[in-house]
Amino acid sequence: KESGAIRRIADFMGTGSTVGEDLVEKVGDQTSHECMSSDDNWDRFSGMSVAVLVSERLGLGYRYELEPYLGKVSRIGGKPGQGRRVLGEAARELFDAKWRQIVTEELGFKDLAEMQAARREELA
């Protein structure tokens, strides 16, 4: 498993020198998609309670049949672009409008690639 991100987080928290390989492996196991999407853990990581509140607030109604595709940890595994194929046109339009408002107008990035490039430059 990839432990680089776990080590960078530990370093950022100032605990990197005290974190042994056994703890890195345990954190890697507990933060894997397999662990977080399991029946025992999914509700802790899905964020579905927030999704229900937001969809109701936006007047979209909550569609339980979409539950496997939604949340921070998808039970069917997430793939880039998957949500766009499943969500209805109204939901996509709302997301696109919010993206333009925050990312384009407020932050000044024309698209995701430009925002990611700025972040890489910031971290370098």
N, C-alpha and C. Protein backbone atom coordinates (compact mmCIF):
# COMPACT_ATOMS: atom_id res chain seq x y z
N LYS A 1 0.83 -1.19 0.00
CA LYS A 1 0.00 0.00 0.00
C LYS A 1 0.88 1.25 0.00
N GLU A 2 0.32 2.32 -0.51
CA GLU A 2 1.02 3.60 -0.56
C GLU A 2 1.07 4.22 0.83
N SER A 3 2.26 4.44 1.36
CA SER A 3 2.39 5.01 2.69
C SER A 3 2.90 6.45 2.66
N GLY A 4 3.23 6.95 1.48
CA GLY A 4 3.79 8.30 1.37
C GLY A 4 2.87 9.37 1.92
N ALA A 5 1.58 9.29 1.59
CA ALA A 5 0.63 10.29 2.07
C ALA A 5 0.49 10.23 3.59
N ILE A 6 0.50 9.03 4.14
CA ILE A 6 0.39 8.87 5.59
C ILE A 6 1.61 9.49 6.27
N ARG A 7 2.78 9.26 5.71
CA ARG A 7 4.01 9.85 6.27
C ARG A 7 3.98 11.38 6.16
N ARG A 8 3.49 11.91 5.03
CA ARG A 8 3.43 13.38 4.88
C ARG A 8 2.47 14.00 5.90
N ILE A 9 1.36 13.33 6.15
CA ILE A 9 0.40 13.84 7.14
C ILE A 9 1.03 13.80 8.53
N ALA A 10 1.70 12.71 8.85
CA ALA A 10 2.36 12.61 10.16
C ALA A 10 3.42 13.70 10.31
N ASP A 11 4.18 13.96 9.25
CA ASP A 11 5.19 15.03 9.30
C ASP A 11 4.53 16.38 9.50
N PHE A 12 3.43 16.61 8.77
CA PHE A 12 2.71 17.87 8.89
C PHE A 12 2.21 18.07 10.32
N MET A 13 1.78 16.98 10.96
CA MET A 13 1.28 17.06 12.33
C MET A 13 2.40 17.13 13.36
N GLY A 14 3.64 17.01 12.89
CA GLY A 14 4.77 17.07 13.81
C GLY A 14 5.04 15.77 14.54
N THR A 15 4.47 14.68 14.07
CA THR A 15 4.65 13.39 14.73
C THR A 15 5.39 12.38 13.85
N GLY A 16 5.88 12.84 12.72
CA GLY A 16 6.49 11.93 11.76
C GLY A 16 7.60 11.07 12.32
N SER A 17 8.44 11.62 13.18
CA SER A 17 9.57 10.86 13.71
C SER A 17 9.14 9.79 14.71
N THR A 18 7.92 9.88 15.23
CA THR A 18 7.47 8.91 16.23
C THR A 18 6.57 7.83 15.64
N VAL A 19 6.29 7.91 14.36
CA VAL A 19 5.36 6.98 13.72
C VAL A 19 6.13 5.82 13.11
N GLY A 20 5.88 4.62 13.65
CA GLY A 20 6.54 3.42 13.14
C GLY A 20 5.79 2.80 11.99
N GLU A 21 6.45 1.84 11.35
CA GLU A 21 5.85 1.16 10.20
C GLU A 21 4.55 0.44 10.56
N ASP A 22 4.47 -0.10 11.78
CA ASP A 22 3.24 -0.81 12.18
C ASP A 22 2.05 0.14 12.21
N LEU A 23 2.25 1.37 12.69
CA LEU A 23 1.17 2.34 12.73
C LEU A 23 0.82 2.82 11.32
N VAL A 24 1.82 3.03 10.49
CA VAL A 24 1.57 3.43 9.10
C VAL A 24 0.73 2.36 8.40
N GLU A 25 1.07 1.11 8.61
CA GLU A 25 0.31 0.01 7.99
C GLU A 25 -1.12 -0.02 8.53
N LYS A 26 -1.30 0.17 9.83
CA LYS A 26 -2.64 0.16 10.43
C LYS A 26 -3.48 1.31 9.87
N VAL A 27 -2.89 2.50 9.79
CA VAL A 27 -3.62 3.65 9.23
C VAL A 27 -3.97 3.38 7.78
N GLY A 28 -3.04 2.81 7.03
CA GLY A 28 -3.31 2.47 5.63
C GLY A 28 -4.47 1.49 5.50
N ASP A 29 -4.49 0.49 6.36
CA ASP A 29 -5.59 -0.49 6.32
C ASP A 29 -6.92 0.16 6.68
N GLN A 30 -6.91 0.99 7.72
CA GLN A 30 -8.16 1.59 8.20
C GLN A 30 -8.68 2.70 7.30
N THR A 31 -7.84 3.23 6.44
CA THR A 31 -8.29 4.28 5.52
C THR A 31 -8.44 3.78 4.09
N SER A 32 -8.38 2.47 3.92
CA SER A 32 -8.57 1.90 2.58
C SER A 32 -10.05 1.95 2.20
N HIS A 33 -10.30 1.97 0.90
CA HIS A 33 -11.69 1.94 0.43
C HIS A 33 -12.38 0.69 0.93
N GLU A 34 -11.68 -0.42 0.92
CA GLU A 34 -12.27 -1.68 1.37
C GLU A 34 -12.78 -1.57 2.82
N CYS A 35 -11.98 -0.97 3.69
CA CYS A 35 -12.38 -0.84 5.09
C CYS A 35 -13.50 0.18 5.25
N MET A 36 -13.35 1.35 4.63
CA MET A 36 -14.34 2.42 4.83
C MET A 36 -15.68 2.12 4.18
N SER A 37 -15.70 1.27 3.16
CA SER A 37 -16.97 0.97 2.49
C SER A 37 -17.60 -0.33 2.99
N SER A 38 -16.99 -0.97 3.99
CA SER A 38 -17.54 -2.21 4.52
C SER A 38 -18.86 -1.95 5.24
N ASP A 39 -19.65 -2.98 5.40
CA ASP A 39 -20.95 -2.84 6.08
C ASP A 39 -20.79 -2.26 7.49
N ASP A 40 -19.71 -2.62 8.17
CA ASP A 40 -19.49 -2.15 9.54
C ASP A 40 -19.12 -0.68 9.61
N ASN A 41 -18.55 -0.12 8.55
CA ASN A 41 -17.99 1.23 8.63
C ASN A 41 -18.60 2.25 7.70
N TRP A 42 -19.33 1.83 6.69
CA TRP A 42 -19.75 2.73 5.62
C TRP A 42 -20.47 3.97 6.14
N ASP A 43 -21.37 3.79 7.10
CA ASP A 43 -22.14 4.93 7.58
C ASP A 43 -21.27 5.98 8.27
N ARG A 44 -20.12 5.60 8.75
CA ARG A 44 -19.20 6.56 9.39
C ARG A 44 -18.52 7.47 8.37
N PHE A 45 -18.36 6.98 7.15
CA PHE A 45 -17.58 7.70 6.15
C PHE A 45 -18.38 8.20 4.95
N SER A 46 -19.63 7.82 4.85
CA SER A 46 -20.37 8.12 3.63
C SER A 46 -20.77 9.58 3.49
N GLY A 47 -21.05 10.25 4.59
CA GLY A 47 -21.54 11.62 4.51
C GLY A 47 -22.96 11.71 4.02
N MET A 48 -23.70 10.61 4.09
CA MET A 48 -25.05 10.59 3.54
C MET A 48 -26.00 11.52 4.30
N SER A 49 -25.81 11.70 5.60
CA SER A 49 -26.71 12.59 6.33
C SER A 49 -26.61 14.00 5.78
N VAL A 50 -25.41 14.42 5.39
CA VAL A 50 -25.23 15.74 4.78
C VAL A 50 -25.87 15.76 3.40
N ALA A 51 -25.71 14.70 2.64
CA ALA A 51 -26.30 14.64 1.29
C ALA A 51 -27.81 14.76 1.35
N VAL A 52 -28.43 14.11 2.33
CA VAL A 52 -29.89 14.19 2.48
C VAL A 52 -30.30 15.63 2.77
N LEU A 53 -29.63 16.28 3.73
CA LEU A 53 -29.99 17.65 4.09
C LEU A 53 -29.80 18.62 2.93
N VAL A 54 -28.68 18.49 2.21
CA VAL A 54 -28.41 19.39 1.09
C VAL A 54 -29.42 19.19 -0.03
N SER A 55 -29.70 17.94 -0.37
CA SER A 55 -30.64 17.70 -1.47
C SER A 55 -32.04 18.19 -1.11
N GLU A 56 -32.44 18.04 0.15
CA GLU A 56 -33.75 18.54 0.56
C GLU A 56 -33.76 20.07 0.55
N ARG A 57 -32.68 20.67 1.00
CA ARG A 57 -32.59 22.14 1.02
C ARG A 57 -32.65 22.72 -0.39
N LEU A 58 -32.04 22.02 -1.34
CA LEU A 58 -32.05 22.47 -2.73
C LEU A 58 -33.36 22.13 -3.44
N GLY A 59 -34.24 21.44 -2.74
CA GLY A 59 -35.52 21.08 -3.33
C GLY A 59 -35.43 19.94 -4.31
N LEU A 60 -34.36 19.16 -4.24
CA LEU A 60 -34.19 18.06 -5.18
C LEU A 60 -34.86 16.78 -4.70
N GLY A 61 -35.13 16.70 -3.39
CA GLY A 61 -35.63 15.45 -2.84
C GLY A 61 -34.50 14.45 -2.77
N TYR A 62 -34.60 13.54 -1.88
CA TYR A 62 -33.54 12.54 -1.73
C TYR A 62 -33.91 11.28 -2.47
N ARG A 63 -33.01 10.81 -3.30
CA ARG A 63 -33.28 9.62 -4.11
C ARG A 63 -32.42 8.47 -3.58
N TYR A 64 -33.03 7.59 -2.82
CA TYR A 64 -32.30 6.50 -2.18
C TYR A 64 -31.64 5.56 -3.18
N GLU A 65 -32.18 5.48 -4.37
CA GLU A 65 -31.57 4.59 -5.37
C GLU A 65 -30.19 5.07 -5.80
N LEU A 66 -29.89 6.35 -5.53
CA LEU A 66 -28.57 6.89 -5.88
C LEU A 66 -27.55 6.70 -4.76
N GLU A 67 -27.99 6.22 -3.61
CA GLU A 67 -27.11 6.13 -2.44
C GLU A 67 -25.79 5.42 -2.71
N PRO A 68 -25.76 4.33 -3.47
CA PRO A 68 -24.46 3.68 -3.70
C PRO A 68 -23.46 4.59 -4.42
N TYR A 69 -23.95 5.60 -5.14
CA TYR A 69 -23.08 6.45 -5.93
C TYR A 69 -22.64 7.73 -5.19
N LEU A 70 -23.30 8.01 -4.08
CA LEU A 70 -23.10 9.28 -3.41
C LEU A 70 -22.26 9.14 -2.16
N GLY A 71 -21.87 10.26 -1.61
CA GLY A 71 -21.13 10.28 -0.36
C GLY A 71 -19.64 10.31 -0.60
N LYS A 72 -18.92 10.42 0.50
CA LYS A 72 -17.47 10.50 0.42
C LYS A 72 -16.85 9.14 0.12
N VAL A 73 -17.53 8.08 0.52
CA VAL A 73 -17.05 6.72 0.26
C VAL A 73 -18.16 5.97 -0.45
N SER A 74 -18.01 5.80 -1.74
CA SER A 74 -19.02 5.10 -2.53
C SER A 74 -18.90 3.60 -2.29
N ARG A 75 -20.02 2.96 -2.08
CA ARG A 75 -19.99 1.52 -1.82
C ARG A 75 -19.61 0.74 -3.06
N ILE A 76 -19.77 1.33 -4.22
CA ILE A 76 -19.43 0.60 -5.45
C ILE A 76 -18.08 1.02 -5.98
N GLY A 77 -17.38 1.85 -5.24
CA GLY A 77 -16.07 2.33 -5.68
C GLY A 77 -16.24 3.52 -6.58
N GLY A 78 -15.47 4.53 -6.33
CA GLY A 78 -15.60 5.75 -7.11
C GLY A 78 -14.66 5.78 -8.29
N LYS A 79 -15.14 6.35 -9.35
CA LYS A 79 -14.32 6.54 -10.55
C LYS A 79 -14.60 7.95 -11.07
N PRO A 80 -13.58 8.65 -11.52
CA PRO A 80 -13.79 10.00 -12.03
C PRO A 80 -14.85 10.02 -13.14
N GLY A 81 -15.78 10.95 -13.02
CA GLY A 81 -16.83 11.10 -14.02
C GLY A 81 -18.06 10.24 -13.79
N GLN A 82 -17.98 9.33 -12.84
CA GLN A 82 -19.09 8.41 -12.59
C GLN A 82 -20.35 9.17 -12.16
N GLY A 83 -20.20 10.14 -11.27
CA GLY A 83 -21.35 10.89 -10.79
C GLY A 83 -22.06 11.64 -11.89
N ARG A 84 -21.30 12.16 -12.83
CA ARG A 84 -21.88 12.93 -13.94
C ARG A 84 -22.83 12.06 -14.76
N ARG A 85 -22.51 10.78 -14.89
CA ARG A 85 -23.37 9.89 -15.68
C ARG A 85 -24.64 9.50 -14.93
N VAL A 86 -24.60 9.54 -13.59
CA VAL A 86 -25.73 9.07 -12.79
C VAL A 86 -26.66 10.21 -12.39
N LEU A 87 -26.11 11.38 -12.07
CA LEU A 87 -26.93 12.49 -11.62
C LEU A 87 -27.78 13.05 -12.75
N GLY A 88 -28.93 13.55 -12.38
CA GLY A 88 -29.81 14.16 -13.36
C GLY A 88 -29.29 15.50 -13.83
N GLU A 89 -29.86 16.01 -14.90
CA GLU A 89 -29.44 17.28 -15.49
C GLU A 89 -29.57 18.44 -14.51
N ALA A 90 -30.65 18.46 -13.73
CA ALA A 90 -30.86 19.55 -12.76
C ALA A 90 -29.76 19.57 -11.71
N ALA A 91 -29.38 18.41 -11.22
CA ALA A 91 -28.31 18.34 -10.22
C ALA A 91 -26.98 18.76 -10.83
N ARG A 92 -26.70 18.33 -12.05
CA ARG A 92 -25.44 18.71 -12.71
C ARG A 92 -25.38 20.22 -12.90
N GLU A 93 -26.51 20.83 -13.28
CA GLU A 93 -26.55 22.28 -13.48
C GLU A 93 -26.30 23.02 -12.17
N LEU A 94 -26.85 22.51 -11.06
CA LEU A 94 -26.61 23.12 -9.76
C LEU A 94 -25.13 23.04 -9.37
N PHE A 95 -24.53 21.87 -9.56
CA PHE A 95 -23.11 21.71 -9.26
C PHE A 95 -22.25 22.63 -10.13
N ASP A 96 -22.56 22.68 -11.41
CA ASP A 96 -21.79 23.53 -12.33
C ASP A 96 -21.91 25.01 -11.95
N ALA A 97 -23.11 25.44 -11.56
CA ALA A 97 -23.32 26.84 -11.16
C ALA A 97 -22.53 27.15 -9.90
N LYS A 98 -22.53 26.24 -8.94
CA LYS A 98 -21.79 26.45 -7.69
C LYS A 98 -20.29 26.44 -7.97
N TRP A 99 -19.84 25.58 -8.87
CA TRP A 99 -18.43 25.55 -9.27
C TRP A 99 -18.02 26.91 -9.84
N ARG A 100 -18.82 27.42 -10.77
CA ARG A 100 -18.50 28.71 -11.38
C ARG A 100 -18.46 29.82 -10.33
N GLN A 101 -19.42 29.79 -9.40
CA GLN A 101 -19.48 30.82 -8.37
C GLN A 101 -18.24 30.79 -7.48
N ILE A 102 -17.86 29.62 -7.02
CA ILE A 102 -16.77 29.54 -6.05
C ILE A 102 -15.41 29.48 -6.75
N VAL A 103 -15.23 28.53 -7.63
CA VAL A 103 -13.91 28.29 -8.21
C VAL A 103 -13.54 29.35 -9.25
N THR A 104 -14.46 29.68 -10.12
CA THR A 104 -14.15 30.64 -11.18
C THR A 104 -14.23 32.08 -10.68
N GLU A 105 -15.38 32.45 -10.12
CA GLU A 105 -15.58 33.84 -9.74
C GLU A 105 -14.81 34.23 -8.47
N GLU A 106 -14.90 33.41 -7.42
CA GLU A 106 -14.27 33.79 -6.15
C GLU A 106 -12.78 33.47 -6.11
N LEU A 107 -12.39 32.31 -6.63
CA LEU A 107 -10.98 31.91 -6.56
C LEU A 107 -10.19 32.26 -7.80
N GLY A 108 -10.87 32.48 -8.93
CA GLY A 108 -10.21 32.92 -10.14
C GLY A 108 -9.60 31.85 -11.02
N PHE A 109 -9.99 30.58 -10.83
CA PHE A 109 -9.47 29.51 -11.67
C PHE A 109 -10.48 29.21 -12.78
N LYS A 110 -9.98 29.04 -14.00
CA LYS A 110 -10.90 28.78 -15.11
C LYS A 110 -11.39 27.33 -15.14
N ASP A 111 -10.57 26.40 -14.60
CA ASP A 111 -10.98 25.00 -14.59
C ASP A 111 -10.19 24.22 -13.53
N LEU A 112 -10.51 22.95 -13.38
CA LEU A 112 -9.87 22.11 -12.37
C LEU A 112 -8.37 21.99 -12.63
N ALA A 113 -7.97 21.84 -13.87
CA ALA A 113 -6.56 21.69 -14.20
C ALA A 113 -5.76 22.91 -13.74
N GLU A 114 -6.31 24.09 -13.95
CA GLU A 114 -5.62 25.31 -13.52
C GLU A 114 -5.53 25.37 -11.99
N MET A 115 -6.58 24.96 -11.31
CA MET A 115 -6.58 24.96 -9.85
C MET A 115 -5.57 23.95 -9.32
N GLN A 116 -5.51 22.77 -9.92
CA GLN A 116 -4.55 21.75 -9.50
C GLN A 116 -3.11 22.19 -9.76
N ALA A 117 -2.87 22.85 -10.87
CA ALA A 117 -1.53 23.35 -11.19
C ALA A 117 -1.10 24.39 -10.15
N ALA A 118 -2.00 25.25 -9.76
CA ALA A 118 -1.68 26.27 -8.74
C ALA A 118 -1.36 25.60 -7.41
N ARG A 119 -2.08 24.55 -7.07
CA ARG A 119 -1.82 23.85 -5.82
C ARG A 119 -0.46 23.15 -5.85
N ARG A 120 -0.13 22.52 -6.98
CA ARG A 120 1.19 21.87 -7.10
C ARG A 120 2.30 22.91 -6.96
N GLU A 121 2.11 24.07 -7.58
CA GLU A 121 3.10 25.13 -7.49
C GLU A 121 3.23 25.63 -6.05
N GLU A 122 2.12 25.74 -5.38
CA GLU A 122 2.12 26.18 -3.98
C GLU A 122 2.87 25.21 -3.08
N LEU A 123 2.76 23.91 -3.36
CA LEU A 123 3.40 22.88 -2.55
C LEU A 123 4.88 22.70 -2.87
N ALA A 124 5.28 23.16 -4.04
CA ALA A 124 6.68 22.96 -4.47
C ALA A 124 7.67 23.79 -3.67
